Amino acid sequence: MAMNRIQFQQVMSLGNFLDLYGIESQCAAALEKARWHNGFICAKGQSKSHCIVWHGKVKTFQCNHCRAQATLTGGTIFHATKLPLVIWFRAMFFLTQTKNNVSALELARILGVCYQTAWRIKYKFMQVIHEREFATVLSGRLEIDDAYLGGQRFRSMIPLFKHEVG
């Protein structure tokens, strides 16, 4: 029997995760690398020439040709958030690495945020996962366990003559 790839995939420990994404600058660098693999490219003008403008604590990339501005979190699920990226990355770790589902209450306790914030974080991640999974079209041979397909609809115990009108 073939080995299940998902079951035996490499798992990252919490210590390794905190070494890689433990501080805000590490999370920002990882997000920047994920968004722009080969450096910043303007979405409007497709130019690589840019400068960095700071608006308070927010790092903004400005295109030198069309002057369009883009932030690191703009257009992502992190857009307009007041939470540090570290909290978002930790939530992502706990939501994806646990075998069973993590409740919003448990996530709030782990992250040290209120319940509503933890619920919103979890909802946004679940929404992104759903959109990505919905876009995937299944192909090849599919196997379904414990499914009842087709058959007759369940009828109530009331005799048919009581349903007749006229």
N, C-alpha and C. Protein backbone atom coordinates (compact mmCIF):
# COMPACT_ATOMS: atom_id res chain seq x y z
N MET A 1 0.85 -1.18 0.00
CA MET A 1 0.00 0.00 0.00
C MET A 1 0.89 1.24 0.00
N ALA A 2 0.52 2.25 -0.76
CA ALA A 2 1.30 3.47 -0.87
C ALA A 2 1.21 4.28 0.43
N MET A 3 2.30 4.98 0.73
CA MET A 3 2.35 5.78 1.94
C MET A 3 1.61 7.10 1.71
N ASN A 4 0.84 7.52 2.68
CA ASN A 4 0.08 8.76 2.58
C ASN A 4 1.01 9.95 2.79
N ARG A 5 1.12 10.82 1.76
CA ARG A 5 2.00 11.98 1.84
C ARG A 5 1.61 12.93 2.96
N ILE A 6 0.33 13.17 3.11
CA ILE A 6 -0.16 14.14 4.09
C ILE A 6 0.12 13.65 5.50
N GLN A 7 -0.10 12.38 5.73
CA GLN A 7 0.05 11.83 7.08
C GLN A 7 1.50 11.89 7.55
N PHE A 8 2.45 11.71 6.65
CA PHE A 8 3.84 11.64 7.05
C PHE A 8 4.65 12.86 6.61
N GLN A 9 4.00 14.00 6.43
CA GLN A 9 4.74 15.20 6.04
C GLN A 9 5.52 15.75 7.23
N GLN A 10 6.55 16.52 6.93
CA GLN A 10 7.40 17.10 7.95
C GLN A 10 6.61 18.13 8.75
N VAL A 11 6.68 18.05 10.06
CA VAL A 11 5.95 18.96 10.93
C VAL A 11 6.94 19.92 11.58
N MET A 12 6.58 21.18 11.65
CA MET A 12 7.43 22.17 12.29
C MET A 12 7.06 22.27 13.76
N SER A 13 8.06 22.23 14.63
CA SER A 13 7.80 22.36 16.05
C SER A 13 7.61 23.83 16.40
N LEU A 14 7.05 24.09 17.56
CA LEU A 14 6.82 25.46 18.01
C LEU A 14 8.14 26.20 18.17
N GLY A 15 9.16 25.51 18.67
CA GLY A 15 10.48 26.13 18.82
C GLY A 15 11.07 26.57 17.49
N ASN A 16 10.99 25.69 16.49
CA ASN A 16 11.48 26.04 15.15
C ASN A 16 10.69 27.20 14.56
N PHE A 17 9.38 27.18 14.78
CA PHE A 17 8.55 28.26 14.26
C PHE A 17 8.93 29.59 14.89
N LEU A 18 9.14 29.60 16.21
CA LEU A 18 9.50 30.85 16.88
C LEU A 18 10.89 31.33 16.48
N ASP A 19 11.79 30.39 16.15
CA ASP A 19 13.11 30.79 15.65
C ASP A 19 12.99 31.49 14.30
N LEU A 20 12.08 31.00 13.45
CA LEU A 20 11.93 31.58 12.11
C LEU A 20 11.06 32.83 12.09
N TYR A 21 9.99 32.85 12.90
CA TYR A 21 9.01 33.93 12.84
C TYR A 21 8.69 34.49 14.23
N GLY A 22 9.67 34.60 15.08
CA GLY A 22 9.44 35.02 16.46
C GLY A 22 9.30 36.51 16.67
N ILE A 23 9.88 37.32 15.77
CA ILE A 23 9.81 38.77 15.94
C ILE A 23 9.19 39.41 14.70
N GLU A 24 8.75 40.64 14.86
CA GLU A 24 8.00 41.35 13.82
C GLU A 24 8.80 41.48 12.52
N SER A 25 10.08 41.78 12.62
CA SER A 25 10.89 41.97 11.40
C SER A 25 11.02 40.67 10.60
N GLN A 26 11.09 39.53 11.28
CA GLN A 26 11.16 38.24 10.58
C GLN A 26 9.85 37.95 9.85
N CYS A 27 8.73 38.27 10.49
CA CYS A 27 7.42 38.06 9.85
C CYS A 27 7.25 38.98 8.65
N ALA A 28 7.69 40.24 8.80
CA ALA A 28 7.58 41.20 7.69
C ALA A 28 8.46 40.77 6.52
N ALA A 29 9.66 40.27 6.80
CA ALA A 29 10.55 39.81 5.73
C ALA A 29 9.95 38.59 5.02
N ALA A 30 9.34 37.68 5.78
CA ALA A 30 8.72 36.49 5.18
C ALA A 30 7.52 36.89 4.32
N LEU A 31 6.73 37.84 4.78
CA LEU A 31 5.58 38.29 4.00
C LEU A 31 6.02 39.02 2.74
N GLU A 32 7.07 39.82 2.85
CA GLU A 32 7.60 40.53 1.68
C GLU A 32 8.13 39.54 0.64
N LYS A 33 8.81 38.52 1.10
CA LYS A 33 9.33 37.49 0.18
C LYS A 33 8.19 36.70 -0.47
N ALA A 34 7.13 36.44 0.28
CA ALA A 34 6.00 35.70 -0.26
C ALA A 34 5.22 36.54 -1.29
N ARG A 35 5.10 37.83 -1.04
CA ARG A 35 4.35 38.71 -1.97
C ARG A 35 5.14 39.02 -3.22
N TRP A 36 6.41 39.40 -3.04
CA TRP A 36 7.24 39.81 -4.17
C TRP A 36 8.51 38.95 -4.16
N HIS A 37 8.51 37.86 -4.90
CA HIS A 37 9.62 36.91 -4.91
C HIS A 37 10.93 37.56 -5.33
N ASN A 38 10.88 38.39 -6.38
CA ASN A 38 12.08 39.01 -6.93
C ASN A 38 12.14 40.49 -6.61
N GLY A 39 11.66 40.90 -5.46
CA GLY A 39 11.63 42.30 -5.09
C GLY A 39 10.32 42.95 -5.49
N PHE A 40 10.12 44.18 -5.04
CA PHE A 40 8.87 44.90 -5.29
C PHE A 40 8.68 45.18 -6.77
N ILE A 41 7.48 44.91 -7.27
CA ILE A 41 7.08 45.25 -8.63
C ILE A 41 5.74 45.98 -8.52
N CYS A 42 5.68 47.17 -9.12
CA CYS A 42 4.47 47.99 -9.07
C CYS A 42 3.31 47.27 -9.76
N ALA A 43 2.15 47.25 -9.12
CA ALA A 43 0.98 46.59 -9.69
C ALA A 43 0.41 47.37 -10.87
N LYS A 44 0.56 48.69 -10.86
CA LYS A 44 0.01 49.50 -11.95
C LYS A 44 0.97 49.59 -13.12
N GLY A 45 2.20 50.02 -12.85
CA GLY A 45 3.15 50.27 -13.93
C GLY A 45 4.10 49.13 -14.24
N GLN A 46 4.07 48.06 -13.44
CA GLN A 46 4.94 46.89 -13.61
C GLN A 46 6.42 47.28 -13.58
N SER A 47 6.76 48.30 -12.81
CA SER A 47 8.14 48.77 -12.72
C SER A 47 8.78 48.25 -11.44
N LYS A 48 10.09 47.97 -11.50
CA LYS A 48 10.82 47.53 -10.31
C LYS A 48 11.44 48.70 -9.56
N SER A 49 11.54 49.85 -10.22
CA SER A 49 12.16 51.03 -9.62
C SER A 49 11.22 51.62 -8.57
N HIS A 50 11.68 51.66 -7.33
CA HIS A 50 10.83 52.14 -6.25
C HIS A 50 11.66 52.78 -5.15
N CYS A 51 10.99 53.49 -4.26
CA CYS A 51 11.62 54.00 -3.05
C CYS A 51 10.72 53.63 -1.88
N ILE A 52 11.27 53.71 -0.69
CA ILE A 52 10.52 53.35 0.51
C ILE A 52 10.17 54.62 1.26
N VAL A 53 8.90 54.79 1.55
CA VAL A 53 8.40 55.95 2.29
C VAL A 53 7.81 55.43 3.59
N TRP A 54 8.15 56.07 4.68
CA TRP A 54 7.62 55.67 5.98
C TRP A 54 6.49 56.61 6.38
N HIS A 55 5.32 56.06 6.66
CA HIS A 55 4.19 56.81 7.19
C HIS A 55 4.01 56.36 8.63
N GLY A 56 4.68 57.02 9.55
CA GLY A 56 4.69 56.58 10.93
C GLY A 56 5.48 55.29 11.04
N LYS A 57 4.81 54.20 11.42
CA LYS A 57 5.46 52.89 11.52
C LYS A 57 5.23 52.03 10.28
N VAL A 58 4.45 52.54 9.34
CA VAL A 58 4.07 51.75 8.17
C VAL A 58 5.07 51.96 7.04
N LYS A 59 5.66 50.87 6.58
CA LYS A 59 6.60 50.90 5.46
C LYS A 59 5.80 50.85 4.16
N THR A 60 5.97 51.89 3.33
CA THR A 60 5.23 51.99 2.08
C THR A 60 6.20 51.99 0.91
N PHE A 61 5.92 51.16 -0.08
CA PHE A 61 6.72 51.11 -1.30
C PHE A 61 6.07 52.05 -2.32
N GLN A 62 6.87 52.97 -2.88
CA GLN A 62 6.34 53.92 -3.86
C GLN A 62 7.07 53.74 -5.18
N CYS A 63 6.31 53.55 -6.25
CA CYS A 63 6.87 53.39 -7.58
C CYS A 63 7.46 54.73 -8.04
N ASN A 64 8.66 54.71 -8.60
CA ASN A 64 9.30 55.93 -9.08
C ASN A 64 8.70 56.43 -10.38
N HIS A 65 8.03 55.58 -11.14
CA HIS A 65 7.47 55.98 -12.43
C HIS A 65 6.05 56.55 -12.30
N CYS A 66 5.15 55.81 -11.67
CA CYS A 66 3.75 56.25 -11.60
C CYS A 66 3.36 56.77 -10.22
N ARG A 67 4.25 56.72 -9.25
CA ARG A 67 4.04 57.19 -7.88
C ARG A 67 2.95 56.42 -7.13
N ALA A 68 2.59 55.26 -7.60
CA ALA A 68 1.61 54.43 -6.89
C ALA A 68 2.27 53.87 -5.63
N GLN A 69 1.49 53.77 -4.57
CA GLN A 69 2.02 53.28 -3.30
C GLN A 69 1.38 51.95 -2.94
N ALA A 70 2.17 51.11 -2.31
CA ALA A 70 1.69 49.81 -1.85
C ALA A 70 2.33 49.50 -0.51
N THR A 71 1.54 48.99 0.40
CA THR A 71 2.09 48.57 1.69
C THR A 71 2.27 47.06 1.68
N LEU A 72 2.99 46.59 2.66
CA LEU A 72 3.28 45.17 2.75
C LEU A 72 2.01 44.35 2.98
N THR A 73 1.09 44.89 3.77
CA THR A 73 -0.12 44.15 4.10
C THR A 73 -1.31 44.49 3.21
N GLY A 74 -1.17 45.47 2.34
CA GLY A 74 -2.27 45.88 1.47
C GLY A 74 -2.66 44.77 0.51
N GLY A 75 -3.96 44.52 0.39
CA GLY A 75 -4.45 43.49 -0.51
C GLY A 75 -4.33 42.08 0.04
N THR A 76 -4.02 41.95 1.31
CA THR A 76 -3.93 40.63 1.95
C THR A 76 -4.94 40.57 3.10
N ILE A 77 -5.00 39.44 3.77
CA ILE A 77 -5.91 39.34 4.92
C ILE A 77 -5.39 40.16 6.10
N PHE A 78 -4.14 40.61 6.03
CA PHE A 78 -3.56 41.42 7.10
C PHE A 78 -3.84 42.91 6.90
N HIS A 79 -4.53 43.27 5.82
CA HIS A 79 -4.76 44.67 5.49
C HIS A 79 -5.55 45.38 6.58
N ALA A 80 -5.11 46.58 6.94
CA ALA A 80 -5.78 47.45 7.92
C ALA A 80 -5.93 46.81 9.29
N THR A 81 -5.01 45.96 9.66
CA THR A 81 -5.05 45.35 10.98
C THR A 81 -4.18 46.14 11.95
N LYS A 82 -4.59 46.16 13.19
CA LYS A 82 -3.78 46.82 14.22
C LYS A 82 -2.95 45.80 14.99
N LEU A 83 -3.20 44.54 14.73
CA LEU A 83 -2.43 43.49 15.40
C LEU A 83 -1.05 43.35 14.76
N PRO A 84 -0.05 43.02 15.54
CA PRO A 84 1.27 42.76 14.95
C PRO A 84 1.23 41.50 14.08
N LEU A 85 2.11 41.45 13.10
CA LEU A 85 2.18 40.28 12.23
C LEU A 85 2.55 39.02 13.00
N VAL A 86 3.25 39.18 14.11
CA VAL A 86 3.64 38.02 14.93
C VAL A 86 2.40 37.28 15.41
N ILE A 87 1.39 38.01 15.84
CA ILE A 87 0.14 37.38 16.31
C ILE A 87 -0.52 36.63 15.15
N TRP A 88 -0.57 37.24 13.97
CA TRP A 88 -1.17 36.59 12.81
C TRP A 88 -0.41 35.32 12.44
N PHE A 89 0.91 35.38 12.45
CA PHE A 89 1.72 34.21 12.09
C PHE A 89 1.55 33.09 13.12
N ARG A 90 1.48 33.44 14.41
CA ARG A 90 1.26 32.41 15.43
C ARG A 90 -0.11 31.77 15.26
N ALA A 91 -1.11 32.58 14.96
CA ALA A 91 -2.46 32.03 14.72
C ALA A 91 -2.43 31.09 13.53
N MET A 92 -1.72 31.48 12.47
CA MET A 92 -1.60 30.62 11.30
C MET A 92 -0.94 29.29 11.67
N PHE A 93 0.08 29.35 12.51
CA PHE A 93 0.76 28.13 12.94
C PHE A 93 -0.19 27.22 13.71
N PHE A 94 -0.89 27.75 14.70
CA PHE A 94 -1.76 26.91 15.52
C PHE A 94 -2.96 26.39 14.74
N LEU A 95 -3.48 27.16 13.80
CA LEU A 95 -4.63 26.70 13.02
C LEU A 95 -4.25 25.62 12.01
N THR A 96 -3.00 25.62 11.55
CA THR A 96 -2.61 24.64 10.53
C THR A 96 -1.86 23.44 11.08
N GLN A 97 -1.25 23.54 12.23
CA GLN A 97 -0.41 22.45 12.73
C GLN A 97 -1.11 21.52 13.72
N THR A 98 -2.25 21.92 14.24
CA THR A 98 -2.93 21.04 15.18
C THR A 98 -3.75 20.00 14.42
N LYS A 99 -3.84 18.81 14.99
CA LYS A 99 -4.57 17.73 14.33
C LYS A 99 -6.07 17.97 14.38
N ASN A 100 -6.55 18.41 15.53
CA ASN A 100 -7.97 18.73 15.67
C ASN A 100 -8.16 20.23 15.48
N ASN A 101 -9.38 20.63 15.26
CA ASN A 101 -9.68 22.04 15.06
C ASN A 101 -9.44 22.82 16.35
N VAL A 102 -8.97 24.05 16.22
CA VAL A 102 -8.76 24.93 17.36
C VAL A 102 -9.95 25.88 17.44
N SER A 103 -10.57 25.95 18.60
CA SER A 103 -11.71 26.86 18.75
C SER A 103 -11.21 28.29 18.89
N ALA A 104 -12.09 29.24 18.66
CA ALA A 104 -11.72 30.65 18.79
C ALA A 104 -11.38 30.99 20.23
N LEU A 105 -12.05 30.35 21.18
CA LEU A 105 -11.76 30.59 22.59
C LEU A 105 -10.36 30.09 22.95
N GLU A 106 -10.00 28.91 22.47
CA GLU A 106 -8.66 28.38 22.72
C GLU A 106 -7.60 29.24 22.02
N LEU A 107 -7.89 29.70 20.82
CA LEU A 107 -6.97 30.57 20.09
C LEU A 107 -6.78 31.89 20.84
N ALA A 108 -7.84 32.41 21.43
CA ALA A 108 -7.74 33.64 22.22
C ALA A 108 -6.83 33.45 23.42
N ARG A 109 -6.95 32.30 24.07
CA ARG A 109 -6.08 32.02 25.22
C ARG A 109 -4.62 31.87 24.80
N ILE A 110 -4.38 31.20 23.69
CA ILE A 110 -3.01 30.96 23.22
C ILE A 110 -2.34 32.27 22.80
N LEU A 111 -3.07 33.11 22.07
CA LEU A 111 -2.48 34.33 21.51
C LEU A 111 -2.51 35.50 22.48
N GLY A 112 -3.34 35.43 23.51
CA GLY A 112 -3.43 36.53 24.46
C GLY A 112 -4.24 37.70 23.92
N VAL A 113 -5.27 37.40 23.13
CA VAL A 113 -6.15 38.44 22.60
C VAL A 113 -7.57 38.14 23.05
N CYS A 114 -8.49 39.08 22.82
CA CYS A 114 -9.87 38.84 23.21
C CYS A 114 -10.54 37.85 22.25
N TYR A 115 -11.70 37.36 22.67
CA TYR A 115 -12.40 36.34 21.89
C TYR A 115 -12.78 36.84 20.51
N GLN A 116 -13.30 38.07 20.42
CA GLN A 116 -13.75 38.60 19.13
C GLN A 116 -12.59 38.69 18.14
N THR A 117 -11.42 39.10 18.63
CA THR A 117 -10.24 39.19 17.76
C THR A 117 -9.83 37.81 17.27
N ALA A 118 -9.80 36.84 18.18
CA ALA A 118 -9.43 35.47 17.80
C ALA A 118 -10.44 34.90 16.81
N TRP A 119 -11.73 35.18 17.02
CA TRP A 119 -12.75 34.69 16.10
C TRP A 119 -12.55 35.28 14.71
N ARG A 120 -12.26 36.60 14.64
CA ARG A 120 -12.04 37.25 13.34
C ARG A 120 -10.83 36.70 12.62
N ILE A 121 -9.74 36.48 13.37
CA ILE A 121 -8.53 35.91 12.77
C ILE A 121 -8.85 34.54 12.19
N LYS A 122 -9.50 33.70 12.98
CA LYS A 122 -9.83 32.35 12.52
C LYS A 122 -10.78 32.39 11.33
N TYR A 123 -11.76 33.28 11.36
CA TYR A 123 -12.72 33.40 10.26
C TYR A 123 -12.01 33.81 8.97
N LYS A 124 -11.09 34.77 9.06
CA LYS A 124 -10.37 35.22 7.86
C LYS A 124 -9.53 34.09 7.28
N PHE A 125 -8.83 33.35 8.13
CA PHE A 125 -8.03 32.23 7.64
C PHE A 125 -8.91 31.15 7.01
N MET A 126 -10.03 30.82 7.65
CA MET A 126 -10.92 29.81 7.11
C MET A 126 -11.53 30.26 5.78
N GLN A 127 -11.81 31.55 5.66
CA GLN A 127 -12.35 32.09 4.41
C GLN A 127 -11.33 31.96 3.28
N VAL A 128 -10.07 32.27 3.56
CA VAL A 128 -9.02 32.15 2.54
C VAL A 128 -8.82 30.69 2.15
N ILE A 129 -8.81 29.81 3.13
CA ILE A 129 -8.64 28.38 2.85
C ILE A 129 -9.80 27.87 2.01
N HIS A 130 -11.03 28.29 2.34
CA HIS A 130 -12.21 27.86 1.58
C HIS A 130 -12.14 28.35 0.14
N GLU A 131 -11.76 29.61 -0.07
CA GLU A 131 -11.67 30.15 -1.43
C GLU A 131 -10.63 29.40 -2.25
N ARG A 132 -9.53 29.06 -1.62
CA ARG A 132 -8.47 28.34 -2.34
C ARG A 132 -8.90 26.91 -2.65
N GLU A 133 -9.55 26.25 -1.71
CA GLU A 133 -10.01 24.88 -1.93
C GLU A 133 -11.14 24.84 -2.94
N PHE A 134 -12.01 25.85 -2.94
CA PHE A 134 -13.13 25.88 -3.86
C PHE A 134 -12.66 26.05 -5.30
N ALA A 135 -11.53 26.74 -5.48
CA ALA A 135 -10.99 26.96 -6.82
C ALA A 135 -10.34 25.70 -7.38
N THR A 136 -9.99 24.75 -6.52
CA THR A 136 -9.35 23.52 -6.95
C THR A 136 -10.39 22.55 -7.50
N VAL A 137 -10.17 22.08 -8.71
CA VAL A 137 -11.07 21.13 -9.34
C VAL A 137 -10.50 19.73 -9.13
N LEU A 138 -11.33 18.83 -8.61
CA LEU A 138 -10.90 17.46 -8.40
C LEU A 138 -10.85 16.73 -9.73
N SER A 139 -9.86 15.85 -9.87
CA SER A 139 -9.75 15.08 -11.10
C SER A 139 -9.22 13.69 -10.76
N GLY A 140 -9.34 12.81 -11.72
CA GLY A 140 -8.86 11.45 -11.50
C GLY A 140 -9.88 10.62 -10.75
N ARG A 141 -9.42 9.58 -10.10
CA ARG A 141 -10.29 8.68 -9.36
C ARG A 141 -10.53 9.23 -7.97
N LEU A 142 -11.78 9.34 -7.57
CA LEU A 142 -12.15 9.86 -6.26
C LEU A 142 -12.74 8.73 -5.43
N GLU A 143 -12.43 8.73 -4.16
CA GLU A 143 -12.95 7.72 -3.25
C GLU A 143 -13.72 8.42 -2.15
N ILE A 144 -14.95 7.99 -1.92
CA ILE A 144 -15.80 8.58 -0.90
C ILE A 144 -16.16 7.49 0.10
N ASP A 145 -15.97 7.77 1.37
CA ASP A 145 -16.30 6.81 2.41
C ASP A 145 -17.59 7.22 3.11
N ASP A 146 -18.39 6.22 3.49
CA ASP A 146 -19.61 6.41 4.28
C ASP A 146 -20.54 7.46 3.68
N ALA A 147 -20.87 7.30 2.43
CA ALA A 147 -21.78 8.24 1.78
C ALA A 147 -22.98 7.48 1.25
N TYR A 148 -24.15 8.09 1.35
CA TYR A 148 -25.36 7.52 0.80
C TYR A 148 -25.76 8.38 -0.39
N LEU A 149 -25.61 7.84 -1.57
CA LEU A 149 -25.92 8.58 -2.78
C LEU A 149 -27.14 7.96 -3.45
N GLY A 150 -28.08 8.80 -3.87
CA GLY A 150 -29.26 8.30 -4.55
C GLY A 150 -30.25 7.67 -3.58
N GLY A 151 -31.05 6.75 -4.09
CA GLY A 151 -32.03 6.09 -3.25
C GLY A 151 -33.32 6.88 -3.16
N GLN A 152 -34.29 6.36 -2.42
CA GLN A 152 -35.58 7.02 -2.30
C GLN A 152 -35.56 7.99 -1.13
N ARG A 153 -36.36 9.02 -1.27
CA ARG A 153 -36.46 10.01 -0.20
C ARG A 153 -37.25 9.39 0.96
N PHE A 154 -36.94 9.79 2.16
CA PHE A 154 -37.62 9.29 3.35
C PHE A 154 -39.04 9.85 3.39
N ARG A 155 -39.99 8.96 3.58
CA ARG A 155 -41.38 9.40 3.69
C ARG A 155 -41.79 9.29 5.15
N SER A 156 -42.67 10.19 5.52
CA SER A 156 -43.13 10.16 6.91
C SER A 156 -44.01 8.93 7.14
N MET A 157 -44.33 8.70 8.37
CA MET A 157 -45.12 7.53 8.74
C MET A 157 -46.62 7.74 8.48
N ILE A 158 -47.01 8.94 8.03
CA ILE A 158 -48.42 9.22 7.76
C ILE A 158 -48.83 8.51 6.48
N PRO A 159 -49.93 7.78 6.48
CA PRO A 159 -50.37 7.09 5.26
C PRO A 159 -50.64 8.07 4.13
N LEU A 160 -50.51 7.58 2.90
CA LEU A 160 -50.65 8.43 1.72
C LEU A 160 -52.05 9.03 1.59
N PHE A 161 -53.11 8.28 2.01
CA PHE A 161 -54.47 8.79 1.81
C PHE A 161 -54.73 10.05 2.63
N LYS A 162 -53.97 10.31 3.66
CA LYS A 162 -54.17 11.51 4.46
C LYS A 162 -53.59 12.74 3.78
N HIS A 163 -52.70 12.55 2.79
CA HIS A 163 -52.10 13.67 2.07
C HIS A 163 -52.94 14.10 0.87
N GLU A 164 -53.86 13.22 0.45
CA GLU A 164 -54.62 13.51 -0.76
C GLU A 164 -55.63 14.61 -0.50
N VAL A 165 -55.78 15.45 -1.51
CA VAL A 165 -56.74 16.55 -1.41
C VAL A 165 -57.83 16.31 -2.44
N GLY A 166 -59.10 16.56 -2.10
CA GLY A 166 -60.15 16.49 -3.09
C GLY A 166 -61.11 15.46 -2.85
